[in-house]
PDB file of N, CA and C in Angstrom:
ATOM      1  N   MET A   1       0.634  -1.306   0.349  1.00  0.00           N
ATOM      2  CA  MET A   1      -0.261  -0.032  -0.307  1.00  0.00           C
ATOM      3  C   MET A   1       0.802   1.232  -0.158  1.00  0.00           C
ATOM      4  N   ALA A   2       1.818   1.220   1.082  1.00  0.00           N
ATOM      5  CA  ALA A   2       3.038   2.223   0.491  1.00  0.00           C
ATOM      6  C   ALA A   2       3.428   2.509  -0.457  1.00  0.00           C
ATOM      7  N   ALA A   3       3.679   1.695  -1.360  1.00  0.00           N
ATOM      8  CA  ALA A   3       4.399   1.737  -2.541  1.00  0.00           C
ATOM      9  C   ALA A   3       3.410   2.594  -3.614  1.00  0.00           C
ATOM     10  N   ALA A   4       2.141   2.626  -3.484  1.00  0.00           N
ATOM     11  CA  ALA A   4       1.426   2.998  -4.199  1.00  0.00           C
ATOM     12  C   ALA A   4       0.436   4.432  -3.624  1.00  0.00           C
ATOM     13  N   ASP A   5       0.911   4.867  -2.631  1.00  0.00           N
ATOM     14  CA  ASP A   5       0.752   5.789  -1.630  1.00  0.00           C
ATOM     15  C   ASP A   5      -0.697   5.934  -1.263  1.00  0.00           C
ATOM     16  N   LEU A   6      -1.106   4.950  -0.406  1.00  0.00           N
ATOM     17  CA  LEU A   6      -2.336   4.529  -0.184  1.00  0.00           C
ATOM     18  C   LEU A   6      -2.061   4.345   1.473  1.00  0.00           C
ATOM     19  N   THR A   7      -3.546   5.120   2.111  1.00  0.00           N
ATOM     20  CA  THR A   7      -3.225   5.153   3.434  1.00  0.00           C
ATOM     21  C   THR A   7      -4.000   3.378   3.623  1.00  0.00           C
ATOM     22  N   ILE A   8      -4.692   2.787   5.067  1.00  0.00           N
ATOM     23  CA  ILE A   8      -5.146   1.719   5.243  1.00  0.00           C
ATOM     24  C   ILE A   8      -6.536   1.982   4.553  1.00  0.00           C
ATOM     25  N   SER A   9      -7.042   3.166   5.179  1.00  0.00           N
ATOM     26  CA  SER A   9      -8.489   3.484   5.052  1.00  0.00           C
ATOM     27  C   SER A   9      -8.599   3.652   3.153  1.00  0.00           C
ATOM     28  N   GLN A  10      -7.493   4.424   2.501  1.00  0.00           N
ATOM     29  CA  GLN A  10      -7.660   4.500   1.206  1.00  0.00           C
ATOM     30  C   GLN A  10      -8.079   3.047   0.207  1.00  0.00           C
ATOM     31  N   PHE A  11      -7.160   2.307   0.795  1.00  0.00           N
ATOM     32  CA  PHE A  11      -7.145   1.020   0.340  1.00  0.00           C
ATOM     33  C   PHE A  11      -8.212   0.522   0.697  1.00  0.00           C
ATOM     34  N   GLY A  12      -8.765   0.312   1.526  1.00  0.00           N
ATOM     35  CA  GLY A  12     -10.361  -0.183   2.297  1.00  0.00           C
ATOM     36  C   GLY A  12     -11.407   0.351   1.510  1.00  0.00           C
ATOM     37  N   VAL A  13     -11.268   1.293   1.092  1.00  0.00           N
ATOM     38  CA  VAL A  13     -12.568   2.009   0.011  1.00  0.00           C
ATOM     39  C   VAL A  13     -12.225   1.054  -0.846  1.00  0.00           C
ATOM     40  N   LEU A  14     -11.127   1.224  -1.764  1.00  0.00           N
ATOM     41  CA  LEU A  14     -10.601   0.584  -3.108  1.00  0.00           C
ATOM     42  C   LEU A  14     -11.118  -0.755  -2.934  1.00  0.00           C
ATOM     43  N   GLU A  15     -10.740  -1.436  -2.251  1.00  0.00           N
ATOM     44  CA  GLU A  15     -10.989  -3.012  -1.902  1.00  0.00           C
ATOM     45  C   GLU A  15     -12.471  -3.028  -1.886  1.00  0.00           C
ATOM     46  N   ALA A  16     -13.251  -2.220  -1.068  1.00  0.00           N
ATOM     47  CA  ALA A  16     -14.944  -2.575  -1.095  1.00  0.00           C
ATOM     48  C   ALA A  16     -15.431  -2.362  -2.263  1.00  0.00           C
ATOM     49  N   LEU A  17     -15.017  -1.210  -3.011  1.00  0.00           N
ATOM     50  CA  LEU A  17     -15.176  -0.860  -4.540  1.00  0.00           C
ATOM     51  C   LEU A  17     -15.106  -2.080  -5.618  1.00  0.00           C
ATOM     52  N   LEU A  18     -14.266  -2.659  -5.222  1.00  0.00           N
ATOM     53  CA  LEU A  18     -13.613  -3.924  -6.100  1.00  0.00           C
ATOM     54  C   LEU A  18     -14.304  -4.798  -6.079  1.00  0.00           C
ATOM     55  N   HIS A  19     -14.896  -5.270  -5.032  1.00  0.00           N
ATOM     56  CA  HIS A  19     -15.500  -6.279  -4.378  1.00  0.00           C
ATOM     57  C   HIS A  19     -17.010  -6.436  -4.397  1.00  0.00           C
ATOM     58  N   LYS A  20     -17.717  -5.076  -4.099  1.00  0.00           N
ATOM     59  CA  LYS A  20     -18.840  -4.933  -4.102  1.00  0.00           C
ATOM     60  C   LYS A  20     -19.648  -4.138  -5.047  1.00  0.00           C
ATOM     61  N   GLY A  21     -18.464  -3.269  -5.676  1.00  0.00           N
ATOM     62  CA  GLY A  21     -19.195  -2.522  -6.683  1.00  0.00           C
ATOM     63  C   GLY A  21     -19.607  -0.996  -6.058  1.00  0.00           C
ATOM     64  N   PRO A  22     -20.113  -0.098  -7.125  1.00  0.00           N
ATOM     65  CA  PRO A  22     -20.407   1.213  -6.423  1.00  0.00           C
ATOM     66  C   PRO A  22     -21.209   1.234  -5.248  1.00  0.00           C
ATOM     67  N   LEU A  23     -20.887   1.732  -4.620  1.00  0.00           N
ATOM     68  CA  LEU A  23     -21.613   1.439  -2.958  1.00  0.00           C
ATOM     69  C   LEU A  23     -22.102   3.383  -2.357  1.00  0.00           C
ATOM     70  N   CYS A  24     -22.780   3.404  -1.212  1.00  0.00           N
ATOM     71  CA  CYS A  24     -23.019   5.030  -1.017  1.00  0.00           C
ATOM     72  C   CYS A  24     -21.878   4.820  -0.018  1.00  0.00           C
ATOM     73  N   GLN A  25     -21.624   6.020   0.515  1.00  0.00           N
ATOM     74  CA  GLN A  25     -20.596   6.405   1.286  1.00  0.00           C
ATOM     75  C   GLN A  25     -20.743   5.877   2.788  1.00  0.00           C
ATOM     76  N   ARG A  26     -22.248   5.864   3.005  1.00  0.00           N
ATOM     77  CA  ARG A  26     -22.567   5.045   4.513  1.00  0.00           C
ATOM     78  C   ARG A  26     -22.082   3.642   4.562  1.00  0.00           C
ATOM     79  N   ASP A  27     -22.493   2.957   3.453  1.00  0.00           N
ATOM     80  CA  ASP A  27     -22.059   1.447   3.142  1.00  0.00           C
ATOM     81  C   ASP A  27     -20.773   1.489   3.444  1.00  0.00           C
ATOM     82  N   ILE A  28     -20.024   2.239   2.794  1.00  0.00           N
ATOM     83  CA  ILE A  28     -18.448   2.336   2.664  1.00  0.00           C
ATOM     84  C   ILE A  28     -17.662   2.137   4.198  1.00  0.00           C
ATOM     85  N   ALA A  29     -18.313   3.450   4.659  1.00  0.00           N
ATOM     86  CA  ALA A  29     -18.142   3.643   6.130  1.00  0.00           C
ATOM     87  C   ALA A  29     -18.185   2.353   6.994  1.00  0.00           C
ATOM     88  N   ALA A  30     -19.503   1.654   6.892  1.00  0.00           N
ATOM     89  CA  ALA A  30     -19.634   0.659   7.560  1.00  0.00           C
ATOM     90  C   ALA A  30     -18.987  -0.425   7.267  1.00  0.00           C
ATOM     91  N   LYS A  31     -18.373  -0.801   6.120  1.00  0.00           N
ATOM     92  CA  LYS A  31     -17.555  -1.464   5.532  1.00  0.00           C
ATOM     93  C   LYS A  31     -16.152  -1.829   5.906  1.00  0.00           C
ATOM     94  N   ILE A  32     -15.792  -0.365   6.146  1.00  0.00           N
ATOM     95  CA  ILE A  32     -14.171  -0.607   6.616  1.00  0.00           C
ATOM     96  C   ILE A  32     -14.289   0.002   8.149  1.00  0.00           C
ATOM     97  N   LEU A  33     -15.351   0.329   8.659  1.00  0.00           N
ATOM     98  CA  LEU A  33     -15.211   0.688  10.077  1.00  0.00           C
ATOM     99  C   LEU A  33     -15.072   2.174  10.504  1.00  0.00           C
ATOM    100  N   LYS A  34     -15.558   2.750   9.465  1.00  0.00           N
ATOM    101  CA  LYS A  34     -14.731   4.085   9.826  1.00  0.00           C
ATOM    102  C   LYS A  34     -16.261   5.166  10.129  1.00  0.00           C
ATOM    103  N   SER A  35     -16.235   6.257  10.501  1.00  0.00           N
ATOM    104  CA  SER A  35     -17.179   7.156  10.850  1.00  0.00           C
ATOM    105  C   SER A  35     -17.837   7.801   9.304  1.00  0.00           C
ATOM    106  N   THR A  36     -18.633   8.402   9.119  1.00  0.00           N
ATOM    107  CA  THR A  36     -18.960   8.719   7.865  1.00  0.00           C
ATOM    108  C   THR A  36     -18.391  10.019   7.877  1.00  0.00           C
ATOM    109  N   GLY A  37     -18.165  10.744   8.605  1.00  0.00           N
ATOM    110  CA  GLY A  37     -17.345  12.385   8.508  1.00  0.00           C
ATOM    111  C   GLY A  37     -16.017  11.845   8.049  1.00  0.00           C
ATOM    112  N   ASN A  38     -15.272  10.486   8.909  1.00  0.00           N
ATOM    113  CA  ASN A  38     -14.083  10.531   8.089  1.00  0.00           C
ATOM    114  C   ASN A  38     -13.974   9.829   6.648  1.00  0.00           C
ATOM    115  N   ILE A  39     -14.777   9.259   6.550  1.00  0.00           N
ATOM    116  CA  ILE A  39     -14.725   8.257   4.832  1.00  0.00           C
ATOM    117  C   ILE A  39     -14.905   9.787   3.928  1.00  0.00           C
ATOM    118  N   THR A  40     -15.843  10.521   4.239  1.00  0.00           N
ATOM    119  CA  THR A  40     -15.740  11.882   3.498  1.00  0.00           C
ATOM    120  C   THR A  40     -14.233  12.678   3.003  1.00  0.00           C
ATOM    121  N   LEU A  41     -13.946  12.418   3.980  1.00  0.00           N
ATOM    122  CA  LEU A  41     -12.231  13.017   3.553  1.00  0.00           C
ATOM    123  C   LEU A  41     -11.360  11.610   2.971  1.00  0.00           C
ATOM    124  N   VAL A  42     -11.376  10.776   3.321  1.00  0.00           N
ATOM    125  CA  VAL A  42     -10.639   9.588   2.583  1.00  0.00           C
ATOM    126  C   VAL A  42     -11.334   9.513   0.885  1.00  0.00           C
ATOM    127  N   ILE A  43     -12.796   9.572   0.805  1.00  0.00           N
ATOM    128  CA  ILE A  43     -13.395   9.946  -0.279  1.00  0.00           C
ATOM    129  C   ILE A  43     -12.826  10.950  -1.206  1.00  0.00           C
ATOM    130  N   ASP A  44     -12.664  12.081  -0.746  1.00  0.00           N
ATOM    131  CA  ASP A  44     -12.168  13.211  -1.247  1.00  0.00           C
ATOM    132  C   ASP A  44     -10.903  13.271  -1.832  1.00  0.00           C
ATOM    133  N   ASN A  45     -10.166  12.493  -0.845  1.00  0.00           N
ATOM    134  CA  ASN A  45      -8.668  12.576  -1.602  1.00  0.00           C
ATOM    135  C   ASN A  45      -8.017  11.449  -2.580  1.00  0.00           C
ATOM    136  N   LEU A  46      -9.322  10.698  -2.689  1.00  0.00           N
ATOM    137  CA  LEU A  46      -9.046   9.463  -3.628  1.00  0.00           C
ATOM    138  C   LEU A  46      -9.663   9.970  -4.694  1.00  0.00           C
ATOM    139  N   GLU A  47     -10.824  11.114  -4.636  1.00  0.00           N
ATOM    140  CA  GLU A  47     -11.333  11.527  -5.886  1.00  0.00           C
ATOM    141  C   GLU A  47     -10.419  12.694  -6.360  1.00  0.00           C
ATOM    142  N   LYS A  48      -9.775  13.244  -5.591  1.00  0.00           N
ATOM    143  CA  LYS A  48      -8.804  14.201  -6.102  1.00  0.00           C
ATOM    144  C   LYS A  48      -7.251  13.714  -6.545  1.00  0.00           C
ATOM    145  N   ARG A  49      -7.191  12.359  -6.416  1.00  0.00           N
ATOM    146  CA  ARG A  49      -6.196  11.199  -7.338  1.00  0.00           C
ATOM    147  C   ARG A  49      -6.589  10.750  -8.615  1.00  0.00           C
ATOM    148  N   GLY A  50      -7.837  11.008  -8.665  1.00  0.00           N
ATOM    149  CA  GLY A  50      -8.526  10.486  -9.994  1.00  0.00           C
ATOM    150  C   GLY A  50      -9.093   8.938  -9.952  1.00  0.00           C
ATOM    151  N   LEU A  51      -9.011   8.798  -8.502  1.00  0.00           N
ATOM    152  CA  LEU A  51      -9.167   7.039  -8.118  1.00  0.00           C
ATOM    153  C   LEU A  51     -10.677   6.783  -8.302  1.00  0.00           C
ATOM    154  N   VAL A  52     -11.641   7.550  -7.982  1.00  0.00           N
ATOM    155  CA  VAL A  52     -13.001   7.092  -7.764  1.00  0.00           C
ATOM    156  C   VAL A  52     -13.499   8.820  -8.028  1.00  0.00           C
ATOM    157  N   ARG A  53     -14.951   8.298  -8.308  1.00  0.00           N
ATOM    158  CA  ARG A  53     -15.911   9.587  -8.535  1.00  0.00           C
ATOM    159  C   ARG A  53     -17.041   9.381  -7.637  1.00  0.00           C
ATOM    160  N   ARG A  54     -17.702  10.624  -7.721  1.00  0.00           N
ATOM    161  CA  ARG A  54     -19.075  10.495  -7.020  1.00  0.00           C
ATOM    162  C   ARG A  54     -19.790  10.723  -8.186  1.00  0.00           C
ATOM    163  N   GLU A  55     -21.068   9.956  -8.188  1.00  0.00           N
ATOM    164  CA  GLU A  55     -22.168   9.815  -8.823  1.00  0.00           C
ATOM    165  C   GLU A  55     -23.690  10.022  -8.634  1.00  0.00           C
ATOM    166  N   ARG A  56     -24.386  10.392  -8.503  1.00  0.00           N
ATOM    167  CA  ARG A  56     -26.175  10.657  -8.871  1.00  0.00           C
ATOM    168  C   ARG A  56     -26.730   9.280  -9.363  1.00  0.00           C
ATOM    169  N   ILE A  57     -27.305   8.524  -8.891  1.00  0.00           N
ATOM    170  CA  ILE A  57     -28.085   7.577  -9.650  1.00  0.00           C
ATOM    171  C   ILE A  57     -29.375   7.612  -9.780  1.00  0.00           C
ATOM    172  N   ASN A  58     -30.290   8.547  -8.899  1.00  0.00           N
ATOM    173  CA  ASN A  58     -31.187   8.977  -9.268  1.00  0.00           C
ATOM    174  C   ASN A  58     -31.949  10.051  -9.116  1.00  0.00           C
ATOM    175  N   GLU A  59     -33.321  10.205  -8.648  1.00  0.00           N
ATOM    176  CA  GLU A  59     -33.645  11.860  -8.816  1.00  0.00           C
ATOM    177  C   GLU A  59     -33.353  12.336  -7.441  1.00  0.00           C
ATOM    178  N   ASP A  60     -32.876  11.696  -6.078  1.00  0.00           N
ATOM    179  CA  ASP A  60     -32.624  12.005  -4.992  1.00  0.00           C
ATOM    180  C   ASP A  60     -31.199  12.617  -5.008  1.00  0.00           C
ATOM    181  N   ARG A  61     -31.153  13.980  -4.999  1.00  0.00           N
ATOM    182  CA  ARG A  61     -29.771  14.614  -5.253  1.00  0.00           C
ATOM    183  C   ARG A  61     -28.929  14.345  -3.959  1.00  0.00           C
ATOM    184  N   ARG A  62     -29.463  13.920  -2.761  1.00  0.00           N
ATOM    185  CA  ARG A  62     -28.576  13.852  -1.529  1.00  0.00           C
ATOM    186  C   ARG A  62     -27.659  12.234  -2.090  1.00  0.00           C
ATOM    187  N   TYR A  63     -28.431  11.486  -2.520  1.00  0.00           N
ATOM    188  CA  TYR A  63     -27.810  10.090  -2.660  1.00  0.00           C
ATOM    189  C   TYR A  63     -26.799  10.019  -3.886  1.00  0.00           C
ATOM    190  N   LEU A  64     -25.690   9.594  -3.323  1.00  0.00           N
ATOM    191  CA  LEU A  64     -24.430   9.667  -4.106  1.00  0.00           C
ATOM    192  C   LEU A  64     -23.936   8.403  -4.056  1.00  0.00           C
ATOM    193  N   THR A  65     -23.410   7.548  -4.964  1.00  0.00           N
ATOM    194  CA  THR A  65     -22.648   6.286  -4.899  1.00  0.00           C
ATOM    195  C   THR A  65     -21.169   7.134  -5.257  1.00  0.00           C
ATOM    196  N   ILE A  66     -20.669   5.713  -4.782  1.00  0.00           N
ATOM    197  CA  ILE A  66     -18.745   6.198  -5.180  1.00  0.00           C
ATOM    198  C   ILE A  66     -18.547   4.923  -5.853  1.00  0.00           C
ATOM    199  N   GLN A  67     -17.646   5.502  -6.723  1.00  0.00           N
ATOM    200  CA  GLN A  67     -17.390   4.277  -8.249  1.00  0.00           C
ATOM    201  C   GLN A  67     -16.189   4.362  -8.605  1.00  0.00           C
ATOM    202  N   LEU A  68     -15.298   3.249  -8.824  1.00  0.00           N
ATOM    203  CA  LEU A  68     -13.956   3.215  -9.034  1.00  0.00           C
ATOM    204  C   LEU A  68     -14.023   3.911 -10.577  1.00  0.00           C
ATOM    205  N   THR A  69     -12.649   4.706 -10.950  1.00  0.00           N
ATOM    206  CA  THR A  69     -12.273   5.114 -12.217  1.00  0.00           C
ATOM    207  C   THR A  69     -11.799   4.386 -12.638  1.00  0.00           C
ATOM    208  N   ASP A  70     -11.573   3.745 -14.179  1.00  0.00           N
ATOM    209  CA  ASP A  70     -10.402   3.190 -14.794  1.00  0.00           C
ATOM    210  C   ASP A  70      -9.165   3.168 -14.239  1.00  0.00           C
ATOM    211  N   GLN A  71      -8.620   4.200 -13.634  1.00  0.00           N
ATOM    212  CA  GLN A  71      -7.329   4.272 -12.910  1.00  0.00           C
ATOM    213  C   GLN A  71      -7.226   3.436 -11.429  1.00  0.00           C
ATOM    214  N   GLY A  72      -8.383   3.953 -11.222  1.00  0.00           N
ATOM    215  CA  GLY A  72      -8.533   3.525  -9.721  1.00  0.00           C
ATOM    216  C   GLY A  72      -8.682   1.944  -9.978  1.00  0.00           C
ATOM    217  N   LEU A  73      -9.606   1.465 -10.651  1.00  0.00           N
ATOM    218  CA  LEU A  73      -9.571   0.040 -10.492  1.00  0.00           C
ATOM    219  C   LEU A  73      -7.980  -0.822 -10.956  1.00  0.00           C
ATOM    220  N   GLU A  74      -7.304  -0.035 -12.173  1.00  0.00           N
ATOM    221  CA  GLU A  74      -6.294  -0.614 -12.631  1.00  0.00           C
ATOM    222  C   GLU A  74      -5.206  -0.521 -11.001  1.00  0.00           C
ATOM    223  N   LEU A  75      -5.077   0.425 -10.224  1.00  0.00           N
ATOM    224  CA  LEU A  75      -4.411   0.650  -9.175  1.00  0.00           C
ATOM    225  C   LEU A  75      -4.510  -0.479  -8.121  1.00  0.00           C
ATOM    226  N   ILE A  76      -6.066  -0.566  -8.014  1.00  0.00           N
ATOM    227  CA  ILE A  76      -6.200  -1.589  -6.689  1.00  0.00           C
ATOM    228  C   ILE A  76      -6.379  -2.915  -7.099  1.00  0.00           C
ATOM    229  N   HIS A  77      -6.331  -3.704  -8.355  1.00  0.00           N
ATOM    230  CA  HIS A  77      -5.921  -4.839  -8.876  1.00  0.00           C
ATOM    231  C   HIS A  77      -4.324  -5.040  -8.662  1.00  0.00           C
ATOM    232  N   GLU A  78      -3.539  -3.976  -9.069  1.00  0.00           N
ATOM    233  CA  GLU A  78      -2.364  -4.214  -8.665  1.00  0.00           C
ATOM    234  C   GLU A  78      -1.931  -4.361  -7.508  1.00  0.00           C
ATOM    235  N   VAL A  79      -2.109  -3.396  -6.340  1.00  0.00           N
ATOM    236  CA  VAL A  79      -2.030  -3.657  -5.023  1.00  0.00           C
ATOM    237  C   VAL A  79      -2.799  -4.217  -4.193  1.00  0.00           C
ATOM    238  N   PHE A  80      -3.983  -4.728  -4.440  1.00  0.00           N
ATOM    239  CA  PHE A  80      -4.629  -6.102  -4.100  1.00  0.00           C
ATOM    240  C   PHE A  80      -4.006  -7.163  -4.174  1.00  0.00           C
ATOM    241  N   ALA A  81      -3.343  -7.253  -5.332  1.00  0.00           N
ATOM    242  CA  ALA A  81      -2.930  -8.511  -5.529  1.00  0.00           C
ATOM    243  C   ALA A  81      -1.583  -8.800  -4.707  1.00  0.00           C
ATOM    244  N   ARG A  82      -0.647  -7.883  -4.315  1.00  0.00           N
ATOM    245  CA  ARG A  82       0.716  -7.892  -3.683  1.00  0.00           C
ATOM    246  C   ARG A  82      -0.184  -7.996  -2.520  1.00  0.00           C
ATOM    247  N   VAL A  83      -1.304  -7.231  -1.943  1.00  0.00           N
ATOM    248  CA  VAL A  83      -1.559  -7.418  -0.282  1.00  0.00           C
ATOM    249  C   VAL A  83      -2.043  -8.967  -0.059  1.00  0.00           C
ATOM    250  N   GLU A  84      -2.749  -9.356  -1.273  1.00  0.00           N
ATOM    251  CA  GLU A  84      -3.218 -11.068  -1.506  1.00  0.00           C
ATOM    252  C   GLU A  84      -2.206 -12.027  -0.853  1.00  0.00           C
ATOM    253  N   ALA A  85      -1.126 -11.700  -1.850  1.00  0.00           N
ATOM    254  CA  ALA A  85       0.284 -12.592  -1.969  1.00  0.00           C
ATOM    255  C   ALA A  85       0.700 -12.376  -0.491  1.00  0.00           C
ATOM    256  N   ALA A  86       0.575 -11.299   0.080  1.00  0.00           N
ATOM    257  CA  ALA A  86       1.528 -11.254   1.653  1.00  0.00           C
ATOM    258  C   ALA A  86       0.846 -12.196   2.251  1.00  0.00           C
ATOM    259  N   ILE A  87      -0.781 -12.273   2.531  1.00  0.00           N
ATOM    260  CA  ILE A  87      -1.598 -12.624   3.359  1.00  0.00           C
ATOM    261  C   ILE A  87      -1.260 -14.156   3.008  1.00  0.00           C
ATOM    262  N   VAL A  88      -1.482 -14.795   1.835  1.00  0.00           N
ATOM    263  CA  VAL A  88      -1.330 -15.881   1.472  1.00  0.00           C
ATOM    264  C   VAL A  88       0.161 -16.679   2.067  1.00  0.00           C
ATOM    265  N   ALA A  89       0.759 -15.646   1.977  1.00  0.00           N
ATOM    266  CA  ALA A  89       2.466 -16.164   2.286  1.00  0.00           C
ATOM    267  C   ALA A  89       2.356 -16.175   4.062  1.00  0.00           C
ATOM    268  N   GLU A  90       1.367 -15.443   4.843  1.00  0.00           N
ATOM    269  CA  GLU A  90       1.653 -15.343   6.005  1.00  0.00           C
ATOM    270  C   GLU A  90       0.777 -16.723   6.651  1.00  0.00           C
ATOM    271  N   MET A  91      -0.547 -17.018   5.791  1.00  0.00           N
ATOM    272  CA  MET A  91      -0.943 -18.012   5.942  1.00  0.00           C
ATOM    273  C   MET A  91      -0.509 -19.687   6.135  1.00  0.00           C
ATOM    274  N   LYS A  92       0.550 -19.616   5.294  1.00  0.00           N
ATOM    275  CA  LYS A  92       1.036 -20.729   5.538  1.00  0.00           C
ATOM    276  C   LYS A  92       1.619 -21.692   6.397  1.00  0.00           C
ATOM    277  N   VAL A  93       2.028 -20.741   7.740  1.00  0.00           N
ATOM    278  CA  VAL A  93       2.170 -21.438   9.020  1.00  0.00           C
ATOM    279  C   VAL A  93       0.995 -22.354   9.620  1.00  0.00           C
ATOM    280  N   LEU A  94      -0.069 -22.068   8.778  1.00  0.00           N
ATOM    281  CA  LEU A  94      -1.478 -22.889   9.082  1.00  0.00           C
ATOM    282  C   LEU A  94      -1.252 -23.859   8.344  1.00  0.00           C
ATOM    283  N   THR A  95      -2.169 -24.951   8.886  1.00  0.00           N
ATOM    284  CA  THR A  95      -2.837 -26.003   8.030  1.00  0.00           C
ATOM    285  C   THR A  95      -3.780 -25.792   6.929  1.00  0.00           C
ATOM    286  N   ASN A  96      -3.746 -26.613   6.266  1.00  0.00           N
ATOM    287  CA  ASN A  96      -5.072 -26.600   5.415  1.00  0.00           C
ATOM    288  C   ASN A  96      -6.404 -26.295   6.303  1.00  0.00           C
ATOM    289  N   ASP A  97      -6.514 -27.366   7.392  1.00  0.00           N
ATOM    290  CA  ASP A  97      -7.629 -27.347   8.314  1.00  0.00           C
ATOM    291  C   ASP A  97      -7.911 -25.998   8.993  1.00  0.00           C
ATOM    292  N   GLU A  98      -6.712 -25.745   9.766  1.00  0.00           N
ATOM    293  CA  GLU A  98      -6.529 -24.302  10.331  1.00  0.00           C
ATOM    294  C   GLU A  98      -7.001 -23.536   9.366  1.00  0.00           C
ATOM    295  N   GLN A  99      -6.387 -23.222   8.104  1.00  0.00           N
ATOM    296  CA  GLN A  99      -7.120 -22.026   7.044  1.00  0.00           C
ATOM    297  C   GLN A  99      -8.584 -22.062   7.014  1.00  0.00           C
ATOM    298  N   GLY A 100      -9.099 -23.195   6.642  1.00  0.00           N
ATOM    299  CA  GLY A 100     -10.420 -23.325   6.587  1.00  0.00           C
ATOM    300  C   GLY A 100     -11.160 -23.014   7.618  1.00  0.00           C
ATOM    301  N   ALA A 101     -10.654 -23.513   9.001  1.00  0.00           N
ATOM    302  CA  ALA A 101     -11.330 -22.892   9.877  1.00  0.00           C
ATOM    303  C   ALA A 101     -11.570 -21.374  10.401  1.00  0.00           C
ATOM    304  N   LEU A 102     -10.162 -20.911   9.929  1.00  0.00           N
ATOM    305  CA  LEU A 102     -10.189 -19.005   9.954  1.00  0.00           C
ATOM    306  C   LEU A 102     -11.079 -18.338   9.244  1.00  0.00           C
ATOM    307  N   GLY A 103     -10.950 -19.219   7.732  1.00  0.00           N
ATOM    308  CA  GLY A 103     -11.891 -18.851   6.680  1.00  0.00           C
ATOM    309  C   GLY A 103     -13.524 -18.548   7.349  1.00  0.00           C
ATOM    310  N   THR A 104     -13.647 -19.928   7.902  1.00  0.00           N
ATOM    311  CA  THR A 104     -15.316 -19.453   8.206  1.00  0.00           C
ATOM    312  C   THR A 104     -15.883 -18.934   9.285  1.00  0.00           C
ATOM    313  N   LEU A 105     -14.641 -18.907  10.411  1.00  0.00           N
ATOM    314  CA  LEU A 105     -14.716 -18.142  11.563  1.00  0.00           C
ATOM    315  C   LEU A 105     -14.782 -16.675  10.948  1.00  0.00           C
ATOM    316  N   CYS A 106     -14.025 -16.288  10.056  1.00  0.00           N
ATOM    317  CA  CYS A 106     -13.767 -14.814   9.745  1.00  0.00           C
ATOM    318  C   CYS A 106     -15.173 -14.511   8.784  1.00  0.00           C
ATOM    319  N   LYS A 107     -15.809 -15.508   7.844  1.00  0.00           N
ATOM    320  CA  LYS A 107     -17.162 -15.131   7.476  1.00  0.00           C
ATOM    321  C   LYS A 107     -17.837 -14.663   8.250  1.00  0.00           C
ATOM    322  N   LYS A 108     -18.193 -15.511   9.364  1.00  0.00           N
ATOM    323  CA  LYS A 108     -18.971 -16.006  10.496  1.00  0.00           C
ATOM    324  C   LYS A 108     -19.382 -14.184  11.162  1.00  0.00           C
ATOM    325  N   LEU A 109     -18.117 -13.595  11.519  1.00  0.00           N
ATOM    326  CA  LEU A 109     -18.095 -12.625  11.795  1.00  0.00           C
ATOM    327  C   LEU A 109     -18.536 -11.547  11.144  1.00  0.00           C
ATOM    328  N   GLY A 110     -17.793 -11.728   9.510  1.00  0.00           N
ATOM    329  CA  GLY A 110     -17.992 -10.578   8.463  1.00  0.00           C
ATOM    330  C   GLY A 110     -19.581 -10.390   8.165  1.00  0.00           C
ATOM    331  N   LEU A 111     -20.537 -11.644   8.531  1.00  0.00           N
ATOM    332  CA  LEU A 111     -22.101 -11.484   7.940  1.00  0.00           C
ATOM    333  C   LEU A 111     -22.891 -11.276   8.896  1.00  0.00           C
ATOM    334  N   ARG A 112     -22.568 -11.400  10.176  1.00  0.00           N
ATOM    335  CA  ARG A 112     -23.092 -10.742  11.337  1.00  0.00           C
ATOM    336  C   ARG A 112     -23.575  -9.469  11.030  1.00  0.00           C
ATOM    337  N   GLU A 113     -25.147  -9.299  11.422  1.00  0.00           N
ATOM    338  CA  GLU A 113     -25.807  -8.287  11.207  1.00  0.00           C
ATOM    339  C   GLU A 113     -25.641  -7.628   9.976  1.00  0.00           C
ATOM    340  N   GLY A 114     -25.639  -8.108   8.941  1.00  0.00           N
ATOM    341  CA  GLY A 114     -25.879  -7.548   7.849  1.00  0.00           C
ATOM    342  C   GLY A 114     -24.563  -7.216   7.248  1.00  0.00           C
ATOM    343  N   ARG A 115     -23.414  -7.197   7.840  1.00  0.00           N
ATOM    344  CA  ARG A 115     -22.424  -6.648   7.168  1.00  0.00           C
ATOM    345  C   ARG A 115     -21.708  -7.565   5.719  1.00  0.00           C
ATOM    346  N   GLY A 116     -21.988  -8.366   5.267  1.00  0.00           N
ATOM    347  CA  GLY A 116     -21.543  -9.526   4.124  1.00  0.00           C
ATOM    348  C   GLY A 116     -21.845  -8.384   3.000  1.00  0.00           C
TER     349      GLY A 116
END
């Protein structure tokens, strides 16, 4: 992330958009466990870099979705691949059964209260 000049929060926003598609700021904040006030600044900075854009998708002018730009999509694919490789390398200390159990537990935590 540091090589791409991304903070952890910025990476979290880009990764959420990569895997979930366009989201409103409130949903992004909930996914990466940040306040809606904090997420506004994170998205502002990503938008300044041309990595995301805000779009109105219906008649309600207050409702905006955040979407990856082509540049943002390219960057998150590159960075996510490196982060994923680092995680896989770290997980090699666990057996396949332990990795499966960890995955099940993480999924259970992530899906509670509609967070999935």
